[in-house]
Amino acid sequence: MAARPYATGPASFDNSTTAGILEYHNPSNKTEKINNLPLLRPLLPLFNDTTFATKFSNKIRSLANAKFPAKVPQTIDRRFFFTIGLGLSPCANQNQNCQGPNNTMLAATVSNVSFVMPSTALLQAHFFNKSKGVYTTDFPTNPPFKFNYTGTPPINIMVTSGTKLAVLPFNIKVELVMQDTSIIGAKSHPLHFHGFNFFVVGQGFGNYNPNTNPAKFNLVDPAERNTVGVPSGGWVAIRFLADNPGVWFMHCHLEVHTSWGLKMAWIVLDGKRQNQKLPPPPSDLPKC
């Protein structure tokens, strides 16, 4: 087996090829026969071959059987549409010399919100009902304005900043579509969701069409994951059941993008039963 990175951005990365050996517990052939078989060396695609990467990921399916069922939400209670991408932000310090246009700096956003890390832990503020001054619960369900997400970028690519969270009632069925944008170049963003597995029900290139694309969603045996790549110049749709109360971080797994603000958090409220409520922190847990 061999593997190499998939990357679409201009940033440098380790382009090494890794190799592994796959051993079968009960091989069908005897050892002497295996030793006589030819060694098939895989021809790996280019590191930025988006078409190949997409075809490969589209082939991944859940087992969807009695032992490993695929409990895909068939109906949806809340729908979200997030844009994922880059933008510009004013220099944090007036005396700082930033290298972006008009003395700006690069930023990354979810729906044009560049996340600002709080000085108080989000989970702590939520549990003790002390959110004032720590975060707000007005994360947008949709982008602040529509544009040709994978076409010519808008003139104004300045971002907003804040510690905004999205709130979900317990046990609701959620659909989230994440759309890449061409602002400062289209890129593939691996989004990781803490606290949940989700089903990747659809993906495609270009702008997501809510009227036609859902008809092609796989609601039978989609892949169940906690990280998914938003295609470069495309979109991905996921579904999940909000059955894990607490505050859950969602962020790009490219650390530089996370540090620029490509992250957000979800609050899942308590359910009615005791086992559906967020447990208190240990009495000796140091406060942030």
C-alpha atoms as a PDB file:
ATOM      1  CA  MET A   1       0.000   0.000   0.000  1.00  0.00           C
ATOM      2  CA  ALA A   2       1.194   3.529  -0.715  1.00  0.00           C
ATOM      3  CA  ALA A   3      -0.197   6.983  -0.033  1.00  0.00           C
ATOM      4  CA  ARG A   4       0.698  10.619  -0.531  1.00  0.00           C
ATOM      5  CA  PRO A   5      -0.858  13.943   0.543  1.00  0.00           C
ATOM      6  CA  TYR A   6      -3.663  15.648  -1.346  1.00  0.00           C
ATOM      7  CA  ALA A   7      -3.326  19.430  -1.334  1.00  0.00           C
ATOM      8  CA  THR A   8      -4.782  22.221  -3.463  1.00  0.00           C
ATOM      9  CA  GLY A   9      -3.410  25.370  -1.828  1.00  0.00           C
ATOM     10  CA  PRO A  10      -0.149  27.183  -2.629  1.00  0.00           C
ATOM     11  CA  ALA A  11       1.340  26.559   0.829  1.00  0.00           C
ATOM     12  CA  SER A  12       4.280  24.189   1.206  1.00  0.00           C
ATOM     13  CA  PHE A  13       3.739  20.697   2.648  1.00  0.00           C
ATOM     14  CA  ASP A  14       5.538  17.382   3.087  1.00  0.00           C
ATOM     15  CA  ASN A  15       5.068  15.645  -0.262  1.00  0.00           C
ATOM     16  CA  SER A  16       6.621  12.371   0.869  1.00  0.00           C
ATOM     17  CA  THR A  17       5.158   9.040  -0.200  1.00  0.00           C
ATOM     18  CA  THR A  18       4.352   6.653   2.622  1.00  0.00           C
ATOM     19  CA  ALA A  19       4.184   2.884   2.286  1.00  0.00           C
ATOM     20  CA  GLY A  20       2.666   0.085   4.336  1.00  0.00           C
ATOM     21  CA  ILE A  21       2.388  -3.685   4.283  1.00  0.00           C
ATOM     22  CA  LEU A  22      -1.023  -5.366   4.409  1.00  0.00           C
ATOM     23  CA  GLU A  23      -0.979  -8.850   5.947  1.00  0.00           C
ATOM     24  CA  TYR A  24      -3.890 -11.289   5.818  1.00  0.00           C
ATOM     25  CA  HIS A  25      -4.586 -13.518   8.834  1.00  0.00           C
ATOM     26  CA  ASN A  26      -5.653 -16.435   6.663  1.00  0.00           C
ATOM     27  CA  PRO A  27      -4.051 -16.074   3.244  1.00  0.00           C
ATOM     28  CA  SER A  28      -5.596 -18.239   0.558  1.00  0.00           C
ATOM     29  CA  ASN A  29      -2.238 -18.991  -1.072  1.00  0.00           C
ATOM     30  CA  LYS A  30       0.722 -20.704   0.461  1.00  0.00           C
ATOM     31  CA  THR A  31       3.821 -18.676   1.295  1.00  0.00           C
ATOM     32  CA  GLU A  32       5.890 -20.089  -1.549  1.00  0.00           C
ATOM     33  CA  LYS A  33       3.204 -19.109  -4.057  1.00  0.00           C
ATOM     34  CA  ILE A  34       2.955 -15.579  -2.636  1.00  0.00           C
ATOM     35  CA  ASN A  35       6.699 -15.110  -2.961  1.00  0.00           C
ATOM     36  CA  ASN A  36       6.426 -15.841  -6.661  1.00  0.00           C
ATOM     37  CA  LEU A  37       3.735 -13.230  -7.277  1.00  0.00           C
ATOM     38  CA  PRO A  38       4.797  -9.961  -8.956  1.00  0.00           C
ATOM     39  CA  LEU A  39       5.018  -6.809  -6.846  1.00  0.00           C
ATOM     40  CA  LEU A  40       2.409  -4.352  -8.109  1.00  0.00           C
ATOM     41  CA  ARG A  41       3.596  -0.806  -7.446  1.00  0.00           C
ATOM     42  CA  PRO A  42       0.717   1.686  -7.451  1.00  0.00           C
ATOM     43  CA  LEU A  43       0.808   4.699  -9.736  1.00  0.00           C
ATOM     44  CA  LEU A  44      -0.177   7.555  -7.453  1.00  0.00           C
ATOM     45  CA  PRO A  45      -2.039  10.592  -8.795  1.00  0.00           C
ATOM     46  CA  LEU A  46      -0.646  14.105  -8.659  1.00  0.00           C
ATOM     47  CA  PHE A  47      -0.852  15.704  -5.228  1.00  0.00           C
ATOM     48  CA  ASN A  48      -3.436  18.229  -6.495  1.00  0.00           C
ATOM     49  CA  ASP A  49      -5.584  15.864  -8.583  1.00  0.00           C
ATOM     50  CA  THR A  50      -8.987  16.935  -7.283  1.00  0.00           C
ATOM     51  CA  THR A  51     -10.902  14.776  -9.769  1.00  0.00           C
ATOM     52  CA  PHE A  52      -9.132  11.607  -8.612  1.00  0.00           C
ATOM     53  CA  ALA A  53      -9.529  12.499  -4.927  1.00  0.00           C
ATOM     54  CA  THR A  54     -13.238  13.158  -5.406  1.00  0.00           C
ATOM     55  CA  LYS A  55     -13.876   9.925  -7.296  1.00  0.00           C
ATOM     56  CA  PHE A  56     -12.046   7.979  -4.607  1.00  0.00           C
ATOM     57  CA  SER A  57     -13.931   9.569  -1.703  1.00  0.00           C
ATOM     58  CA  ASN A  58     -17.262   9.101  -3.494  1.00  0.00           C
ATOM     59  CA  LYS A  59     -16.678   5.340  -3.542  1.00  0.00           C
ATOM     60  CA  ILE A  60     -16.502   5.109   0.253  1.00  0.00           C
ATOM     61  CA  ARG A  61     -19.711   3.685   1.710  1.00  0.00           C
ATOM     62  CA  SER A  62     -21.044   2.535   5.052  1.00  0.00           C
ATOM     63  CA  LEU A  63     -21.651  -1.190   5.501  1.00  0.00           C
ATOM     64  CA  ALA A  64     -25.304  -0.405   6.273  1.00  0.00           C
ATOM     65  CA  ASN A  65     -26.125  -3.871   7.595  1.00  0.00           C
ATOM     66  CA  ALA A  66     -27.715  -5.219  10.765  1.00  0.00           C
ATOM     67  CA  LYS A  67     -24.419  -5.219  12.658  1.00  0.00           C
ATOM     68  CA  PHE A  68     -23.239  -1.831  11.375  1.00  0.00           C
ATOM     69  CA  PRO A  69     -26.360   0.136  10.430  1.00  0.00           C
ATOM     70  CA  ALA A  70     -26.224   3.507   8.711  1.00  0.00           C
ATOM     71  CA  LYS A  71     -28.702   5.576  10.722  1.00  0.00           C
ATOM     72  CA  VAL A  72     -28.928   8.430   8.256  1.00  0.00           C
ATOM     73  CA  PRO A  73     -31.484  11.126   9.169  1.00  0.00           C
ATOM     74  CA  GLN A  74     -34.199  10.827   6.530  1.00  0.00           C
ATOM     75  CA  THR A  75     -36.042  13.970   7.567  1.00  0.00           C
ATOM     76  CA  ILE A  76     -34.465  17.255   8.647  1.00  0.00           C
ATOM     77  CA  ASP A  77     -35.420  19.680  11.424  1.00  0.00           C
ATOM     78  CA  ARG A  78     -32.780  22.382  10.799  1.00  0.00           C
ATOM     79  CA  ARG A  79     -30.781  23.235   7.680  1.00  0.00           C
ATOM     80  CA  PHE A  80     -27.583  25.279   7.587  1.00  0.00           C
ATOM     81  CA  PHE A  81     -25.589  26.593   4.636  1.00  0.00           C
ATOM     82  CA  PHE A  82     -22.027  27.721   5.458  1.00  0.00           C
ATOM     83  CA  THR A  83     -19.423  29.232   3.161  1.00  0.00           C
ATOM     84  CA  ILE A  84     -15.832  28.179   3.808  1.00  0.00           C
ATOM     85  CA  GLY A  85     -12.879  30.240   2.670  1.00  0.00           C
ATOM     86  CA  LEU A  86     -10.462  33.107   3.065  1.00  0.00           C
ATOM     87  CA  GLY A  87     -10.682  36.873   3.240  1.00  0.00           C
ATOM     88  CA  LEU A  88      -8.911  39.942   4.560  1.00  0.00           C
ATOM     89  CA  SER A  89      -8.888  41.514   7.992  1.00  0.00           C
ATOM     90  CA  PRO A  90      -7.459  44.827   9.238  1.00  0.00           C
ATOM     91  CA  CYS A  91      -4.111  44.667  10.986  1.00  0.00           C
ATOM     92  CA  ALA A  92      -4.629  43.860  14.647  1.00  0.00           C
ATOM     93  CA  ASN A  93      -2.197  46.603  15.641  1.00  0.00           C
ATOM     94  CA  GLN A  94      -2.108  50.000  13.953  1.00  0.00           C
ATOM     95  CA  ASN A  95       1.674  50.032  14.281  1.00  0.00           C
ATOM     96  CA  GLN A  96       1.924  46.605  12.657  1.00  0.00           C
ATOM     97  CA  ASN A  97       3.003  46.312   9.025  1.00  0.00           C
ATOM     98  CA  CYS A  98       0.767  43.695   7.386  1.00  0.00           C
ATOM     99  CA  GLN A  99       1.528  42.380   3.910  1.00  0.00           C
ATOM    100  CA  GLY A 100      -2.002  42.217   2.506  1.00  0.00           C
ATOM    101  CA  PRO A 101      -3.619  44.851   0.272  1.00  0.00           C
ATOM    102  CA  ASN A 102      -3.946  48.239   2.000  1.00  0.00           C
ATOM    103  CA  ASN A 103      -2.088  46.955   5.059  1.00  0.00           C
ATOM    104  CA  THR A 104      -4.490  44.071   5.704  1.00  0.00           C
ATOM    105  CA  MET A 105      -3.816  40.503   6.807  1.00  0.00           C
ATOM    106  CA  LEU A 106      -5.127  37.145   5.648  1.00  0.00           C
ATOM    107  CA  ALA A 107      -8.088  35.707   7.534  1.00  0.00           C
ATOM    108  CA  ALA A 108     -10.185  32.560   7.218  1.00  0.00           C
ATOM    109  CA  THR A 109     -13.895  32.298   7.876  1.00  0.00           C
ATOM    110  CA  VAL A 110     -17.024  30.234   8.173  1.00  0.00           C
ATOM    111  CA  SER A 111     -19.830  32.266   6.571  1.00  0.00           C
ATOM    112  CA  ASN A 112     -17.605  35.370   6.658  1.00  0.00           C
ATOM    113  CA  VAL A 113     -17.161  35.104  10.448  1.00  0.00           C
ATOM    114  CA  SER A 114     -13.536  34.784  11.510  1.00  0.00           C
ATOM    115  CA  PHE A 115     -13.704  33.104  14.906  1.00  0.00           C
ATOM    116  CA  VAL A 116     -12.070  34.870  17.860  1.00  0.00           C
ATOM    117  CA  MET A 117     -10.871  32.553  20.616  1.00  0.00           C
ATOM    118  CA  PRO A 118     -12.267  33.586  24.040  1.00  0.00           C
ATOM    119  CA  SER A 119     -10.239  33.851  27.235  1.00  0.00           C
ATOM    120  CA  THR A 120     -12.891  31.806  29.087  1.00  0.00           C
ATOM    121  CA  ALA A 121     -13.613  28.210  28.075  1.00  0.00           C
ATOM    122  CA  LEU A 122     -16.812  28.000  26.014  1.00  0.00           C
ATOM    123  CA  LEU A 123     -18.013  24.862  27.786  1.00  0.00           C
ATOM    124  CA  GLN A 124     -17.416  26.470  31.176  1.00  0.00           C
ATOM    125  CA  ALA A 125     -19.308  29.624  30.203  1.00  0.00           C
ATOM    126  CA  HIS A 126     -22.192  27.576  28.790  1.00  0.00           C
ATOM    127  CA  PHE A 127     -22.555  25.223  31.753  1.00  0.00           C
ATOM    128  CA  PHE A 128     -22.516  27.998  34.358  1.00  0.00           C
ATOM    129  CA  ASN A 129     -24.761  30.236  32.222  1.00  0.00           C
ATOM    130  CA  LYS A 130     -22.130  32.983  32.044  1.00  0.00           C
ATOM    131  CA  SER A 131     -21.937  33.590  28.326  1.00  0.00           C
ATOM    132  CA  LYS A 132     -22.088  37.396  28.525  1.00  0.00           C
ATOM    133  CA  GLY A 133     -18.819  38.812  27.295  1.00  0.00           C
ATOM    134  CA  VAL A 134     -17.612  35.343  26.254  1.00  0.00           C
ATOM    135  CA  TYR A 135     -19.717  34.417  23.209  1.00  0.00           C
ATOM    136  CA  THR A 136     -22.962  35.168  21.403  1.00  0.00           C
ATOM    137  CA  THR A 137     -25.461  32.688  19.971  1.00  0.00           C
ATOM    138  CA  ASP A 138     -26.131  34.422  16.661  1.00  0.00           C
ATOM    139  CA  PHE A 139     -24.009  32.411  14.264  1.00  0.00           C
ATOM    140  CA  PRO A 140     -25.696  32.867  10.865  1.00  0.00           C
ATOM    141  CA  THR A 141     -27.707  30.014   9.371  1.00  0.00           C
ATOM    142  CA  ASN A 142     -26.734  31.270   5.906  1.00  0.00           C
ATOM    143  CA  PRO A 143     -23.978  33.560   4.577  1.00  0.00           C
ATOM    144  CA  PRO A 144     -24.589  37.289   5.147  1.00  0.00           C
ATOM    145  CA  PHE A 145     -25.010  37.863   1.394  1.00  0.00           C
ATOM    146  CA  LYS A 146     -25.215  35.727  -1.733  1.00  0.00           C
ATOM    147  CA  PHE A 147     -22.643  35.857  -4.536  1.00  0.00           C
ATOM    148  CA  ASN A 148     -21.174  33.542  -7.156  1.00  0.00           C
ATOM    149  CA  TYR A 149     -19.273  31.489  -4.584  1.00  0.00           C
ATOM    150  CA  THR A 150     -17.013  29.700  -7.081  1.00  0.00           C
ATOM    151  CA  GLY A 151     -16.870  32.495  -9.657  1.00  0.00           C
ATOM    152  CA  THR A 152     -15.622  36.062  -9.559  1.00  0.00           C
ATOM    153  CA  PRO A 153     -15.218  37.120  -5.903  1.00  0.00           C
ATOM    154  CA  PRO A 154     -17.087  40.153  -4.575  1.00  0.00           C
ATOM    155  CA  ILE A 155     -15.273  43.496  -4.444  1.00  0.00           C
ATOM    156  CA  ASN A 156     -15.399  43.638  -0.654  1.00  0.00           C
ATOM    157  CA  ILE A 157     -13.613  40.606   0.810  1.00  0.00           C
ATOM    158  CA  MET A 158     -13.160  42.009   4.314  1.00  0.00           C
ATOM    159  CA  VAL A 159     -14.345  39.636   7.032  1.00  0.00           C
ATOM    160  CA  THR A 160     -16.167  40.115  10.308  1.00  0.00           C
ATOM    161  CA  SER A 161     -14.716  38.788  13.551  1.00  0.00           C
ATOM    162  CA  GLY A 162     -16.441  37.436  16.619  1.00  0.00           C
ATOM    163  CA  THR A 163     -17.070  34.531  18.972  1.00  0.00           C
ATOM    164  CA  LYS A 164     -20.397  33.414  17.540  1.00  0.00           C
ATOM    165  CA  LEU A 165     -21.965  30.008  18.253  1.00  0.00           C
ATOM    166  CA  ALA A 166     -24.887  28.116  16.714  1.00  0.00           C
ATOM    167  CA  VAL A 167     -27.472  26.590  19.082  1.00  0.00           C
ATOM    168  CA  LEU A 168     -29.215  23.254  18.483  1.00  0.00           C
ATOM    169  CA  PRO A 169     -32.033  21.761  20.560  1.00  0.00           C
ATOM    170  CA  PHE A 170     -31.313  18.250  21.767  1.00  0.00           C
ATOM    171  CA  ASN A 171     -31.945  15.347  19.395  1.00  0.00           C
ATOM    172  CA  ILE A 172     -32.866  17.341  16.303  1.00  0.00           C
ATOM    173  CA  LYS A 173     -31.838  16.178  12.836  1.00  0.00           C
ATOM    174  CA  VAL A 174     -29.456  18.593  11.151  1.00  0.00           C
ATOM    175  CA  GLU A 175     -28.302  19.067   7.583  1.00  0.00           C
ATOM    176  CA  LEU A 176     -25.244  21.206   6.913  1.00  0.00           C
ATOM    177  CA  VAL A 177     -23.984  22.174   3.464  1.00  0.00           C
ATOM    178  CA  MET A 178     -20.469  23.634   3.345  1.00  0.00           C
ATOM    179  CA  GLN A 179     -19.569  25.605   0.231  1.00  0.00           C
ATOM    180  CA  ASP A 180     -16.007  26.485  -0.777  1.00  0.00           C
ATOM    181  CA  THR A 181     -15.444  29.992  -2.137  1.00  0.00           C
ATOM    182  CA  SER A 182     -12.991  31.357  -4.691  1.00  0.00           C
ATOM    183  CA  ILE A 183     -12.026  34.331  -2.523  1.00  0.00           C
ATOM    184  CA  ILE A 184      -8.207  34.467  -2.682  1.00  0.00           C
ATOM    185  CA  GLY A 185      -8.363  31.169  -4.572  1.00  0.00           C
ATOM    186  CA  ALA A 186     -10.432  27.998  -4.252  1.00  0.00           C
ATOM    187  CA  LYS A 187      -9.038  25.399  -1.865  1.00  0.00           C
ATOM    188  CA  SER A 188     -10.005  22.083  -0.313  1.00  0.00           C
ATOM    189  CA  HIS A 189     -10.637  22.429   3.422  1.00  0.00           C
ATOM    190  CA  PRO A 190     -10.753  19.343   5.695  1.00  0.00           C
ATOM    191  CA  LEU A 191     -13.440  20.193   8.275  1.00  0.00           C
ATOM    192  CA  HIS A 192     -13.352  18.291  11.566  1.00  0.00           C
ATOM    193  CA  PHE A 193     -16.372  18.145  13.890  1.00  0.00           C
ATOM    194  CA  HIS A 194     -15.751  17.370  17.566  1.00  0.00           C
ATOM    195  CA  GLY A 195     -18.308  15.320  19.490  1.00  0.00           C
ATOM    196  CA  PHE A 196     -20.130  13.806  16.530  1.00  0.00           C
ATOM    197  CA  ASN A 197     -19.980  11.430  13.635  1.00  0.00           C
ATOM    198  CA  PHE A 198     -21.930  12.562  10.593  1.00  0.00           C
ATOM    199  CA  PHE A 199     -22.991  11.121   7.258  1.00  0.00           C
ATOM    200  CA  VAL A 200     -21.578  12.564   4.039  1.00  0.00           C
ATOM    201  CA  VAL A 201     -24.732  12.485   1.922  1.00  0.00           C
ATOM    202  CA  GLY A 202     -23.557  14.480  -1.088  1.00  0.00           C
ATOM    203  CA  GLN A 203     -20.846  16.566  -2.690  1.00  0.00           C
ATOM    204  CA  GLY A 204     -20.192  18.286  -5.981  1.00  0.00           C
ATOM    205  CA  PHE A 205     -18.414  21.092  -7.803  1.00  0.00           C
ATOM    206  CA  GLY A 206     -19.598  24.618  -8.469  1.00  0.00           C
ATOM    207  CA  ASN A 207     -22.282  26.350  -6.436  1.00  0.00           C
ATOM    208  CA  TYR A 208     -24.675  24.209  -4.399  1.00  0.00           C
ATOM    209  CA  ASN A 209     -28.209  24.210  -5.787  1.00  0.00           C
ATOM    210  CA  PRO A 210     -30.794  23.548  -3.038  1.00  0.00           C
ATOM    211  CA  ASN A 211     -33.454  22.792  -5.636  1.00  0.00           C
ATOM    212  CA  THR A 212     -31.665  20.087  -7.635  1.00  0.00           C
ATOM    213  CA  ASN A 213     -28.695  18.703  -5.671  1.00  0.00           C
ATOM    214  CA  PRO A 214     -30.629  17.083  -2.766  1.00  0.00           C
ATOM    215  CA  ALA A 215     -32.331  14.703  -5.215  1.00  0.00           C
ATOM    216  CA  LYS A 216     -28.934  13.020  -5.682  1.00  0.00           C
ATOM    217  CA  PHE A 217     -28.132  12.662  -1.969  1.00  0.00           C
ATOM    218  CA  ASN A 218     -27.177   9.189  -0.774  1.00  0.00           C
ATOM    219  CA  LEU A 219     -29.472   8.469   2.178  1.00  0.00           C
ATOM    220  CA  VAL A 220     -28.919   4.696   2.115  1.00  0.00           C
ATOM    221  CA  ASP A 221     -25.253   3.931   2.772  1.00  0.00           C
ATOM    222  CA  PRO A 222     -23.191   7.153   2.908  1.00  0.00           C
ATOM    223  CA  ALA A 223     -19.822   7.262   4.644  1.00  0.00           C
ATOM    224  CA  GLU A 224     -19.948   7.975   8.387  1.00  0.00           C
ATOM    225  CA  ARG A 225     -17.096  10.270   9.412  1.00  0.00           C
ATOM    226  CA  ASN A 226     -16.005  13.055  11.757  1.00  0.00           C
ATOM    227  CA  THR A 227     -13.837  14.856   9.171  1.00  0.00           C
ATOM    228  CA  VAL A 228     -14.700  15.693   5.579  1.00  0.00           C
ATOM    229  CA  GLY A 229     -12.992  17.653   2.842  1.00  0.00           C
ATOM    230  CA  VAL A 230     -14.932  20.554   1.390  1.00  0.00           C
ATOM    231  CA  PRO A 231     -14.023  20.141  -2.308  1.00  0.00           C
ATOM    232  CA  SER A 232     -11.932  22.840  -3.945  1.00  0.00           C
ATOM    233  CA  GLY A 233     -14.437  24.925  -5.872  1.00  0.00           C
ATOM    234  CA  GLY A 234     -17.326  22.798  -4.659  1.00  0.00           C
ATOM    235  CA  TRP A 235     -19.562  21.807  -1.764  1.00  0.00           C
ATOM    236  CA  VAL A 236     -20.284  18.932   0.600  1.00  0.00           C
ATOM    237  CA  ALA A 237     -23.495  18.049   2.478  1.00  0.00           C
ATOM    238  CA  ILE A 238     -23.586  16.227   5.814  1.00  0.00           C
ATOM    239  CA  ARG A 239     -26.365  15.074   8.140  1.00  0.00           C
ATOM    240  CA  PHE A 240     -26.211  14.273  11.839  1.00  0.00           C
ATOM    241  CA  LEU A 241     -28.345  13.794  14.932  1.00  0.00           C
ATOM    242  CA  ALA A 242     -27.686  16.393  17.644  1.00  0.00           C
ATOM    243  CA  ASP A 243     -27.776  13.912  20.534  1.00  0.00           C
ATOM    244  CA  ASN A 244     -24.598  14.903  22.403  1.00  0.00           C
ATOM    245  CA  PRO A 245     -25.205  17.883  24.730  1.00  0.00           C
ATOM    246  CA  GLY A 246     -22.381  20.348  25.221  1.00  0.00           C
ATOM    247  CA  VAL A 247     -20.253  22.784  23.229  1.00  0.00           C
ATOM    248  CA  TRP A 248     -18.547  21.302  20.195  1.00  0.00           C
ATOM    249  CA  PHE A 249     -15.750  22.778  18.113  1.00  0.00           C
ATOM    250  CA  MET A 250     -15.747  22.546  14.298  1.00  0.00           C
ATOM    251  CA  HIS A 251     -12.630  23.670  12.474  1.00  0.00           C
ATOM    252  CA  CYS A 252     -10.419  23.301   9.428  1.00  0.00           C
ATOM    253  CA  HIS A 253      -7.723  20.676   9.965  1.00  0.00           C
ATOM    254  CA  LEU A 254      -5.187  22.871   8.187  1.00  0.00           C
ATOM    255  CA  GLU A 255      -3.715  24.474  11.293  1.00  0.00           C
ATOM    256  CA  VAL A 256      -2.811  27.718   9.563  1.00  0.00           C
ATOM    257  CA  HIS A 257      -6.440  28.194   8.481  1.00  0.00           C
ATOM    258  CA  THR A 258      -7.672  27.413  11.994  1.00  0.00           C
ATOM    259  CA  SER A 259      -5.276  30.007  13.396  1.00  0.00           C
ATOM    260  CA  TRP A 260      -6.679  32.518  10.899  1.00  0.00           C
ATOM    261  CA  GLY A 261     -10.231  31.923  12.163  1.00  0.00           C
ATOM    262  CA  LEU A 262     -11.695  29.066  10.080  1.00  0.00           C
ATOM    263  CA  LYS A 263     -13.566  27.569  13.001  1.00  0.00           C
ATOM    264  CA  MET A 264     -16.830  27.838  14.921  1.00  0.00           C
ATOM    265  CA  ALA A 265     -18.689  26.002  17.671  1.00  0.00           C
ATOM    266  CA  TRP A 266     -22.098  24.434  18.228  1.00  0.00           C
ATOM    267  CA  ILE A 267     -24.088  24.389  21.452  1.00  0.00           C
ATOM    268  CA  VAL A 268     -26.285  21.318  21.800  1.00  0.00           C
ATOM    269  CA  LEU A 269     -28.819  21.908  24.564  1.00  0.00           C
ATOM    270  CA  ASP A 270     -29.759  19.383  27.237  1.00  0.00           C
ATOM    271  CA  GLY A 271     -32.524  16.864  26.698  1.00  0.00           C
ATOM    272  CA  LYS A 272     -35.292  16.123  29.203  1.00  0.00           C
ATOM    273  CA  ARG A 273     -33.877  12.915  30.674  1.00  0.00           C
ATOM    274  CA  GLN A 274     -30.985  12.829  33.106  1.00  0.00           C
ATOM    275  CA  ASN A 275     -28.777  10.880  30.696  1.00  0.00           C
ATOM    276  CA  GLN A 276     -29.423  13.557  28.066  1.00  0.00           C
ATOM    277  CA  LYS A 277     -27.933  16.381  30.114  1.00  0.00           C
ATOM    278  CA  LEU A 278     -24.407  17.763  30.178  1.00  0.00           C
ATOM    279  CA  PRO A 279     -22.733  16.459  33.369  1.00  0.00           C
ATOM    280  CA  PRO A 280     -21.041  18.978  35.675  1.00  0.00           C
ATOM    281  CA  PRO A 281     -17.264  19.359  35.611  1.00  0.00           C
ATOM    282  CA  PRO A 282     -15.213  17.566  38.289  1.00  0.00           C
ATOM    283  CA  SER A 283     -15.019  19.557  41.519  1.00  0.00           C
ATOM    284  CA  ASP A 284     -11.228  19.830  41.245  1.00  0.00           C
ATOM    285  CA  LEU A 285     -11.152  20.944  37.606  1.00  0.00           C
ATOM    286  CA  PRO A 286      -9.173  24.212  37.312  1.00  0.00           C
ATOM    287  CA  LYS A 287     -11.237  26.997  35.764  1.00  0.00           C
ATOM    288  CA  CYS A 288     -10.053  28.626  32.558  1.00  0.00           C
END
